[in-house]
N, C-alpha and C. Protein backbone atom coordinates (compact mmCIF):
# COMPACT_ATOMS: atom_id res chain seq x y z
N MET A 1 15.46 2.03 -8.76
CA MET A 1 14.54 0.93 -8.62
C MET A 1 13.12 1.44 -8.88
N LYS A 2 12.31 0.59 -9.48
CA LYS A 2 10.93 0.95 -9.82
C LYS A 2 9.94 0.12 -9.02
N VAL A 3 8.69 0.56 -9.03
CA VAL A 3 7.61 -0.13 -8.33
C VAL A 3 7.53 -1.58 -8.78
N GLU A 4 7.65 -1.84 -10.07
CA GLU A 4 7.53 -3.21 -10.57
C GLU A 4 8.60 -4.12 -9.98
N ASP A 5 9.78 -3.57 -9.66
CA ASP A 5 10.84 -4.36 -9.03
C ASP A 5 10.44 -4.77 -7.61
N LEU A 6 9.67 -3.93 -6.98
CA LEU A 6 9.25 -4.17 -5.60
C LEU A 6 8.09 -5.16 -5.52
N ILE A 7 7.16 -5.09 -6.47
CA ILE A 7 5.95 -5.91 -6.38
C ILE A 7 5.98 -7.19 -7.20
N HIS A 8 6.96 -7.35 -8.08
CA HIS A 8 6.96 -8.50 -9.00
C HIS A 8 7.01 -9.85 -8.30
N SER A 9 7.62 -9.91 -7.12
CA SER A 9 7.77 -11.19 -6.44
C SER A 9 6.59 -11.53 -5.51
N ARG A 10 5.65 -10.63 -5.40
CA ARG A 10 4.51 -10.89 -4.51
C ARG A 10 3.59 -11.93 -5.13
N SER A 11 3.19 -12.88 -4.31
CA SER A 11 2.35 -13.96 -4.81
C SER A 11 0.87 -13.67 -4.67
N GLU A 12 0.52 -12.66 -3.87
CA GLU A 12 -0.89 -12.37 -3.62
C GLU A 12 -1.13 -10.87 -3.62
N VAL A 13 -2.23 -10.47 -4.23
CA VAL A 13 -2.66 -9.07 -4.22
C VAL A 13 -3.84 -8.98 -3.27
N PHE A 14 -3.73 -8.14 -2.26
CA PHE A 14 -4.78 -8.02 -1.25
C PHE A 14 -5.79 -6.95 -1.65
N PHE A 15 -7.06 -7.32 -1.59
CA PHE A 15 -8.13 -6.37 -1.92
C PHE A 15 -9.43 -6.83 -1.27
N ILE A 16 -10.37 -5.91 -1.20
CA ILE A 16 -11.72 -6.21 -0.76
C ILE A 16 -12.66 -5.54 -1.74
N THR A 17 -13.95 -5.83 -1.61
CA THR A 17 -14.93 -5.20 -2.49
C THR A 17 -15.66 -4.09 -1.75
N GLU A 18 -16.17 -3.15 -2.51
CA GLU A 18 -16.83 -2.00 -1.91
C GLU A 18 -18.11 -2.35 -1.18
N SER A 19 -18.69 -3.51 -1.47
CA SER A 19 -19.95 -3.91 -0.83
C SER A 19 -19.74 -4.66 0.49
N GLN A 20 -18.50 -5.02 0.80
CA GLN A 20 -18.24 -5.74 2.05
C GLN A 20 -18.45 -4.82 3.24
N THR A 21 -18.69 -5.42 4.39
CA THR A 21 -18.86 -4.62 5.60
C THR A 21 -17.49 -4.22 6.14
N VAL A 22 -17.50 -3.19 6.96
CA VAL A 22 -16.27 -2.76 7.62
C VAL A 22 -15.76 -3.86 8.55
N HIS A 23 -16.66 -4.60 9.14
CA HIS A 23 -16.27 -5.72 9.99
C HIS A 23 -15.45 -6.73 9.17
N ASP A 24 -15.94 -7.07 7.99
CA ASP A 24 -15.21 -7.98 7.10
C ASP A 24 -13.85 -7.40 6.73
N ALA A 25 -13.83 -6.12 6.43
CA ALA A 25 -12.58 -5.46 6.03
C ALA A 25 -11.57 -5.49 7.18
N ALA A 26 -12.01 -5.19 8.39
CA ALA A 26 -11.12 -5.18 9.54
C ALA A 26 -10.54 -6.57 9.79
N ARG A 27 -11.37 -7.57 9.68
CA ARG A 27 -10.90 -8.95 9.86
C ARG A 27 -9.89 -9.32 8.76
N TYR A 28 -10.17 -8.91 7.53
CA TYR A 28 -9.27 -9.20 6.41
C TYR A 28 -7.91 -8.51 6.62
N LEU A 29 -7.92 -7.25 7.01
CA LEU A 29 -6.67 -6.53 7.27
C LEU A 29 -5.85 -7.24 8.35
N ARG A 30 -6.53 -7.67 9.41
CA ARG A 30 -5.84 -8.36 10.50
C ARG A 30 -5.30 -9.72 10.02
N GLU A 31 -6.13 -10.47 9.31
CA GLU A 31 -5.73 -11.79 8.82
C GLU A 31 -4.52 -11.72 7.89
N LYS A 32 -4.52 -10.74 7.00
CA LYS A 32 -3.43 -10.61 6.03
C LYS A 32 -2.25 -9.82 6.58
N GLN A 33 -2.43 -9.24 7.77
CA GLN A 33 -1.40 -8.45 8.42
C GLN A 33 -0.91 -7.29 7.55
N VAL A 34 -1.89 -6.57 7.02
CA VAL A 34 -1.61 -5.37 6.23
C VAL A 34 -2.40 -4.21 6.81
N ARG A 35 -1.98 -3.01 6.49
CA ARG A 35 -2.64 -1.83 7.04
C ARG A 35 -3.59 -1.15 6.07
N SER A 36 -3.51 -1.54 4.81
CA SER A 36 -4.34 -0.90 3.79
C SER A 36 -4.50 -1.85 2.61
N VAL A 37 -5.68 -1.80 1.98
CA VAL A 37 -5.93 -2.63 0.79
C VAL A 37 -6.71 -1.82 -0.24
N GLY A 38 -6.61 -2.27 -1.48
CA GLY A 38 -7.40 -1.68 -2.55
C GLY A 38 -8.84 -2.15 -2.43
N VAL A 39 -9.75 -1.29 -2.87
CA VAL A 39 -11.18 -1.62 -2.89
C VAL A 39 -11.60 -1.71 -4.35
N LEU A 40 -12.16 -2.86 -4.73
CA LEU A 40 -12.55 -3.08 -6.11
C LEU A 40 -14.07 -3.10 -6.26
N ASN A 41 -14.53 -2.64 -7.42
CA ASN A 41 -15.96 -2.71 -7.73
C ASN A 41 -16.26 -4.09 -8.33
N PRO A 42 -17.54 -4.39 -8.62
CA PRO A 42 -17.86 -5.72 -9.17
C PRO A 42 -17.15 -6.06 -10.47
N ALA A 43 -16.75 -5.04 -11.24
CA ALA A 43 -16.03 -5.28 -12.50
C ALA A 43 -14.54 -5.52 -12.27
N GLY A 44 -14.09 -5.38 -11.02
CA GLY A 44 -12.68 -5.60 -10.70
C GLY A 44 -11.81 -4.37 -10.82
N ALA A 45 -12.42 -3.20 -11.00
CA ALA A 45 -11.64 -1.96 -11.11
C ALA A 45 -11.42 -1.35 -9.73
N LEU A 46 -10.27 -0.76 -9.54
CA LEU A 46 -9.96 -0.08 -8.29
C LEU A 46 -10.83 1.17 -8.15
N VAL A 47 -11.55 1.27 -7.05
CA VAL A 47 -12.41 2.44 -6.81
C VAL A 47 -12.04 3.16 -5.53
N GLY A 48 -11.15 2.57 -4.75
CA GLY A 48 -10.77 3.21 -3.51
C GLY A 48 -9.73 2.43 -2.74
N VAL A 49 -9.44 2.94 -1.56
CA VAL A 49 -8.51 2.33 -0.63
C VAL A 49 -9.14 2.39 0.75
N VAL A 50 -8.98 1.33 1.52
CA VAL A 50 -9.43 1.36 2.91
C VAL A 50 -8.27 0.92 3.79
N SER A 51 -8.14 1.60 4.92
CA SER A 51 -7.01 1.34 5.82
C SER A 51 -7.50 1.14 7.24
N GLN A 52 -6.59 0.70 8.08
CA GLN A 52 -6.91 0.56 9.50
C GLN A 52 -7.33 1.89 10.09
N SER A 53 -6.70 2.97 9.66
CA SER A 53 -7.08 4.28 10.21
C SER A 53 -8.47 4.69 9.75
N ASP A 54 -8.90 4.28 8.56
CA ASP A 54 -10.28 4.54 8.14
C ASP A 54 -11.25 3.85 9.08
N VAL A 55 -10.94 2.62 9.44
CA VAL A 55 -11.81 1.85 10.33
C VAL A 55 -11.88 2.54 11.69
N SER A 56 -10.74 2.93 12.23
CA SER A 56 -10.76 3.54 13.56
C SER A 56 -11.32 4.96 13.54
N ASP A 57 -10.94 5.77 12.55
CA ASP A 57 -11.37 7.17 12.51
C ASP A 57 -12.82 7.36 12.06
N LYS A 58 -13.27 6.54 11.12
CA LYS A 58 -14.59 6.76 10.53
C LYS A 58 -15.67 5.83 11.04
N VAL A 59 -15.28 4.81 11.78
CA VAL A 59 -16.27 3.87 12.30
C VAL A 59 -16.22 3.84 13.83
N ALA A 60 -15.11 3.37 14.36
CA ALA A 60 -15.00 3.22 15.82
C ALA A 60 -15.13 4.57 16.52
N ALA A 61 -14.43 5.59 16.05
CA ALA A 61 -14.46 6.90 16.71
C ALA A 61 -15.81 7.59 16.58
N GLU A 62 -16.58 7.22 15.57
CA GLU A 62 -17.91 7.81 15.37
C GLU A 62 -19.03 6.89 15.86
N ASN A 63 -18.64 5.81 16.52
CA ASN A 63 -19.58 4.85 17.10
C ASN A 63 -20.57 4.28 16.08
N LYS A 64 -20.05 4.00 14.88
CA LYS A 64 -20.86 3.34 13.86
C LYS A 64 -20.73 1.84 14.02
N CYS A 65 -21.69 1.11 13.53
CA CYS A 65 -21.65 -0.34 13.63
C CYS A 65 -20.87 -0.92 12.46
N PRO A 66 -19.75 -1.58 12.71
CA PRO A 66 -18.95 -2.15 11.62
C PRO A 66 -19.67 -3.27 10.86
N ALA A 67 -20.62 -3.90 11.51
CA ALA A 67 -21.36 -4.98 10.84
C ALA A 67 -22.38 -4.44 9.84
N TRP A 68 -22.77 -3.18 9.99
CA TRP A 68 -23.76 -2.57 9.10
C TRP A 68 -23.16 -1.57 8.13
N THR A 69 -22.00 -1.04 8.44
CA THR A 69 -21.36 -0.03 7.61
C THR A 69 -20.61 -0.70 6.47
N ARG A 70 -20.80 -0.21 5.26
CA ARG A 70 -20.14 -0.76 4.08
C ARG A 70 -18.80 -0.07 3.85
N VAL A 71 -17.89 -0.79 3.26
CA VAL A 71 -16.57 -0.26 2.92
C VAL A 71 -16.71 0.99 2.06
N SER A 72 -17.67 0.99 1.14
CA SER A 72 -17.87 2.14 0.25
C SER A 72 -18.17 3.43 1.00
N GLU A 73 -18.65 3.32 2.24
CA GLU A 73 -18.98 4.50 3.05
C GLU A 73 -17.75 5.13 3.71
N ILE A 74 -16.69 4.37 3.86
CA ILE A 74 -15.53 4.90 4.59
C ILE A 74 -14.24 4.94 3.78
N MET A 75 -14.24 4.32 2.61
CA MET A 75 -13.00 4.24 1.82
C MET A 75 -12.61 5.61 1.28
N THR A 76 -11.35 5.73 0.94
CA THR A 76 -10.86 6.90 0.22
C THR A 76 -11.10 6.63 -1.25
N SER A 77 -12.01 7.40 -1.83
CA SER A 77 -12.34 7.23 -3.26
C SER A 77 -11.31 7.93 -4.13
N ASN A 78 -11.16 7.47 -5.35
CA ASN A 78 -10.24 8.07 -6.32
C ASN A 78 -8.85 8.30 -5.73
N PRO A 79 -8.23 7.25 -5.23
CA PRO A 79 -6.90 7.42 -4.62
C PRO A 79 -5.84 7.76 -5.66
N ILE A 80 -4.77 8.32 -5.17
CA ILE A 80 -3.60 8.56 -6.01
C ILE A 80 -3.00 7.19 -6.31
N VAL A 81 -2.78 6.90 -7.57
CA VAL A 81 -2.24 5.60 -7.98
C VAL A 81 -0.93 5.81 -8.74
N VAL A 82 -0.14 4.75 -8.80
CA VAL A 82 1.09 4.80 -9.57
C VAL A 82 1.14 3.60 -10.50
N PRO A 83 1.73 3.78 -11.68
CA PRO A 83 1.95 2.63 -12.56
C PRO A 83 3.20 1.88 -12.11
N PRO A 84 3.34 0.62 -12.53
CA PRO A 84 4.51 -0.17 -12.14
C PRO A 84 5.85 0.45 -12.56
N SER A 85 5.84 1.31 -13.57
CA SER A 85 7.08 1.90 -14.07
C SER A 85 7.56 3.09 -13.23
N THR A 86 6.85 3.45 -12.19
CA THR A 86 7.21 4.60 -11.36
C THR A 86 8.46 4.30 -10.54
N HIS A 87 9.39 5.27 -10.51
CA HIS A 87 10.58 5.13 -9.69
C HIS A 87 10.21 5.30 -8.22
N LEU A 88 10.88 4.56 -7.35
CA LEU A 88 10.55 4.59 -5.92
C LEU A 88 10.73 5.97 -5.30
N ASP A 89 11.70 6.74 -5.79
CA ASP A 89 11.88 8.08 -5.24
C ASP A 89 10.67 8.97 -5.53
N GLU A 90 10.00 8.74 -6.66
CA GLU A 90 8.77 9.48 -6.98
C GLU A 90 7.65 9.06 -6.02
N CYS A 91 7.61 7.79 -5.65
CA CYS A 91 6.61 7.32 -4.68
C CYS A 91 6.81 8.01 -3.34
N VAL A 92 8.05 8.14 -2.93
CA VAL A 92 8.35 8.83 -1.67
C VAL A 92 7.85 10.27 -1.75
N ARG A 93 8.11 10.95 -2.86
CA ARG A 93 7.66 12.34 -3.03
C ARG A 93 6.13 12.43 -2.99
N LEU A 94 5.46 11.51 -3.66
CA LEU A 94 3.99 11.52 -3.66
C LEU A 94 3.42 11.32 -2.26
N MET A 95 3.99 10.35 -1.54
CA MET A 95 3.51 10.09 -0.18
C MET A 95 3.73 11.30 0.72
N GLU A 96 4.89 11.89 0.61
CA GLU A 96 5.20 13.05 1.44
C GLU A 96 4.30 14.24 1.08
N HIS A 97 4.15 14.50 -0.20
CA HIS A 97 3.35 15.64 -0.65
C HIS A 97 1.87 15.52 -0.25
N HIS A 98 1.33 14.31 -0.32
CA HIS A 98 -0.09 14.10 -0.05
C HIS A 98 -0.38 13.60 1.36
N GLY A 99 0.66 13.35 2.14
CA GLY A 99 0.48 12.89 3.51
C GLY A 99 -0.17 11.52 3.60
N ILE A 100 0.26 10.62 2.72
CA ILE A 100 -0.29 9.27 2.68
C ILE A 100 0.82 8.25 2.90
N TYR A 101 0.43 7.04 3.27
CA TYR A 101 1.40 6.00 3.58
C TYR A 101 1.30 4.79 2.67
N HIS A 102 0.33 4.80 1.75
CA HIS A 102 0.13 3.67 0.83
C HIS A 102 -0.21 4.20 -0.56
N LEU A 103 0.30 3.52 -1.57
CA LEU A 103 -0.01 3.87 -2.96
C LEU A 103 -0.46 2.61 -3.70
N PRO A 104 -1.68 2.63 -4.24
CA PRO A 104 -2.12 1.51 -5.07
C PRO A 104 -1.37 1.54 -6.40
N VAL A 105 -1.09 0.36 -6.91
CA VAL A 105 -0.40 0.22 -8.18
C VAL A 105 -1.41 -0.28 -9.21
N VAL A 106 -1.54 0.49 -10.30
CA VAL A 106 -2.48 0.15 -11.37
C VAL A 106 -1.71 0.20 -12.68
N ASP A 107 -1.79 -0.89 -13.45
CA ASP A 107 -1.02 -0.95 -14.69
C ASP A 107 -1.74 -0.23 -15.83
N GLU A 108 -1.11 -0.28 -17.01
CA GLU A 108 -1.65 0.45 -18.18
C GLU A 108 -3.00 -0.09 -18.66
N MET A 109 -3.34 -1.30 -18.24
CA MET A 109 -4.64 -1.88 -18.60
C MET A 109 -5.69 -1.62 -17.51
N GLU A 110 -5.32 -0.75 -16.54
CA GLU A 110 -6.19 -0.40 -15.41
C GLU A 110 -6.44 -1.57 -14.46
N VAL A 111 -5.50 -2.52 -14.42
CA VAL A 111 -5.60 -3.66 -13.53
C VAL A 111 -4.88 -3.32 -12.23
N TYR A 112 -5.56 -3.55 -11.11
CA TYR A 112 -4.97 -3.32 -9.79
C TYR A 112 -3.92 -4.39 -9.53
N ARG A 113 -2.70 -3.95 -9.26
CA ARG A 113 -1.57 -4.88 -9.08
C ARG A 113 -1.10 -5.01 -7.64
N GLY A 114 -1.67 -4.22 -6.75
CA GLY A 114 -1.27 -4.30 -5.35
C GLY A 114 -1.01 -2.93 -4.77
N MET A 115 -0.40 -2.94 -3.62
CA MET A 115 -0.18 -1.72 -2.85
C MET A 115 1.27 -1.67 -2.41
N ILE A 116 1.85 -0.48 -2.45
CA ILE A 116 3.15 -0.30 -1.84
C ILE A 116 2.98 0.65 -0.67
N SER A 117 3.76 0.42 0.35
CA SER A 117 3.62 1.22 1.57
C SER A 117 4.90 1.98 1.85
N ALA A 118 4.79 2.95 2.74
CA ALA A 118 5.97 3.68 3.19
C ALA A 118 6.96 2.71 3.83
N GLN A 119 6.44 1.69 4.51
CA GLN A 119 7.30 0.68 5.13
C GLN A 119 8.08 -0.10 4.07
N ASP A 120 7.43 -0.42 2.94
CA ASP A 120 8.13 -1.09 1.83
C ASP A 120 9.29 -0.23 1.35
N LEU A 121 9.02 1.06 1.17
CA LEU A 121 10.03 1.98 0.66
C LEU A 121 11.17 2.13 1.66
N LEU A 122 10.84 2.21 2.94
CA LEU A 122 11.87 2.33 3.97
C LEU A 122 12.78 1.11 3.98
N ARG A 123 12.19 -0.07 3.81
CA ARG A 123 12.98 -1.30 3.77
C ARG A 123 13.99 -1.26 2.62
N VAL A 124 13.54 -0.82 1.45
CA VAL A 124 14.43 -0.77 0.28
C VAL A 124 15.53 0.26 0.48
N ILE A 125 15.16 1.43 0.98
CA ILE A 125 16.15 2.49 1.20
C ILE A 125 17.19 2.05 2.22
N ALA A 126 16.74 1.45 3.32
CA ALA A 126 17.67 0.98 4.35
C ALA A 126 18.59 -0.10 3.81
N SER A 127 18.06 -1.00 3.01
CA SER A 127 18.85 -2.08 2.42
C SER A 127 19.90 -1.51 1.47
N ASP A 128 19.50 -0.52 0.65
CA ASP A 128 20.45 0.11 -0.27
C ASP A 128 21.58 0.81 0.49
N GLU A 129 21.23 1.51 1.56
CA GLU A 129 22.24 2.22 2.33
C GLU A 129 23.21 1.24 3.01
N LYS A 130 22.68 0.13 3.52
CA LYS A 130 23.53 -0.87 4.15
C LYS A 130 24.49 -1.47 3.13
N ALA A 131 23.97 -1.74 1.94
CA ALA A 131 24.83 -2.30 0.88
C ALA A 131 25.95 -1.33 0.52
N ARG A 132 25.62 -0.05 0.44
CA ARG A 132 26.65 0.96 0.14
C ARG A 132 27.70 1.02 1.25
N ALA A 133 27.24 0.99 2.49
CA ALA A 133 28.16 1.04 3.62
C ALA A 133 29.06 -0.19 3.64
N ASP A 134 28.49 -1.36 3.37
CA ASP A 134 29.28 -2.59 3.34
C ASP A 134 30.32 -2.54 2.23
N MET A 135 29.93 -2.02 1.08
CA MET A 135 30.86 -1.92 -0.04
C MET A 135 32.01 -0.96 0.29
N LEU A 136 31.67 0.17 0.89
CA LEU A 136 32.70 1.14 1.26
C LEU A 136 33.63 0.55 2.32
N GLU A 137 33.07 -0.13 3.30
CA GLU A 137 33.89 -0.76 4.34
C GLU A 137 34.84 -1.80 3.72
N SER A 138 34.33 -2.59 2.81
CA SER A 138 35.15 -3.61 2.15
C SER A 138 36.30 -2.94 1.38
N PHE A 139 35.98 -1.88 0.67
CA PHE A 139 36.97 -1.17 -0.11
C PHE A 139 38.05 -0.55 0.79
N LEU A 140 37.62 0.10 1.86
CA LEU A 140 38.55 0.82 2.72
C LEU A 140 39.43 -0.10 3.56
N PHE A 141 38.86 -1.23 3.99
CA PHE A 141 39.60 -2.07 4.93
C PHE A 141 40.02 -3.42 4.35
N SER A 142 39.96 -3.57 3.05
CA SER A 142 40.31 -4.86 2.44
C SER A 142 41.81 -5.12 2.48
N GLY A 143 42.64 -4.10 2.57
CA GLY A 143 44.08 -4.26 2.56
C GLY A 143 44.64 -4.61 3.93
N ARG A 144 43.84 -4.71 4.94
CA ARG A 144 44.36 -4.97 6.29
C ARG A 144 44.32 -6.40 6.63
């Protein structure tokens, strides 16, 4: 399975702009019920990623004001990205190797297509394993 198989059915791509405040970003993350989003510049290009942990580690823990701090000050710049054609097992390797939980997806035209998370990958892996177990059970016990 590839990244494009995972994201093709999504109706909305979540993102914020680098000029927004951290307060706006935190509210957006909560409203959309996501843990990380892509950060776009005025031209619409992906320039970073901001997550709930960025908000807590770089703002709350350092006693910065979220209403005055800009997303550009706390985001992870130049994130590791994957194209839609990437196999999911490669995404798992990238996340593990770099100690990250989200990968932005950028297509060949440099258009931000969304984010995949470790939770997305876990859901797919668990579903595949259940399907295999069900198939094996059906095969083994169908004659009874």
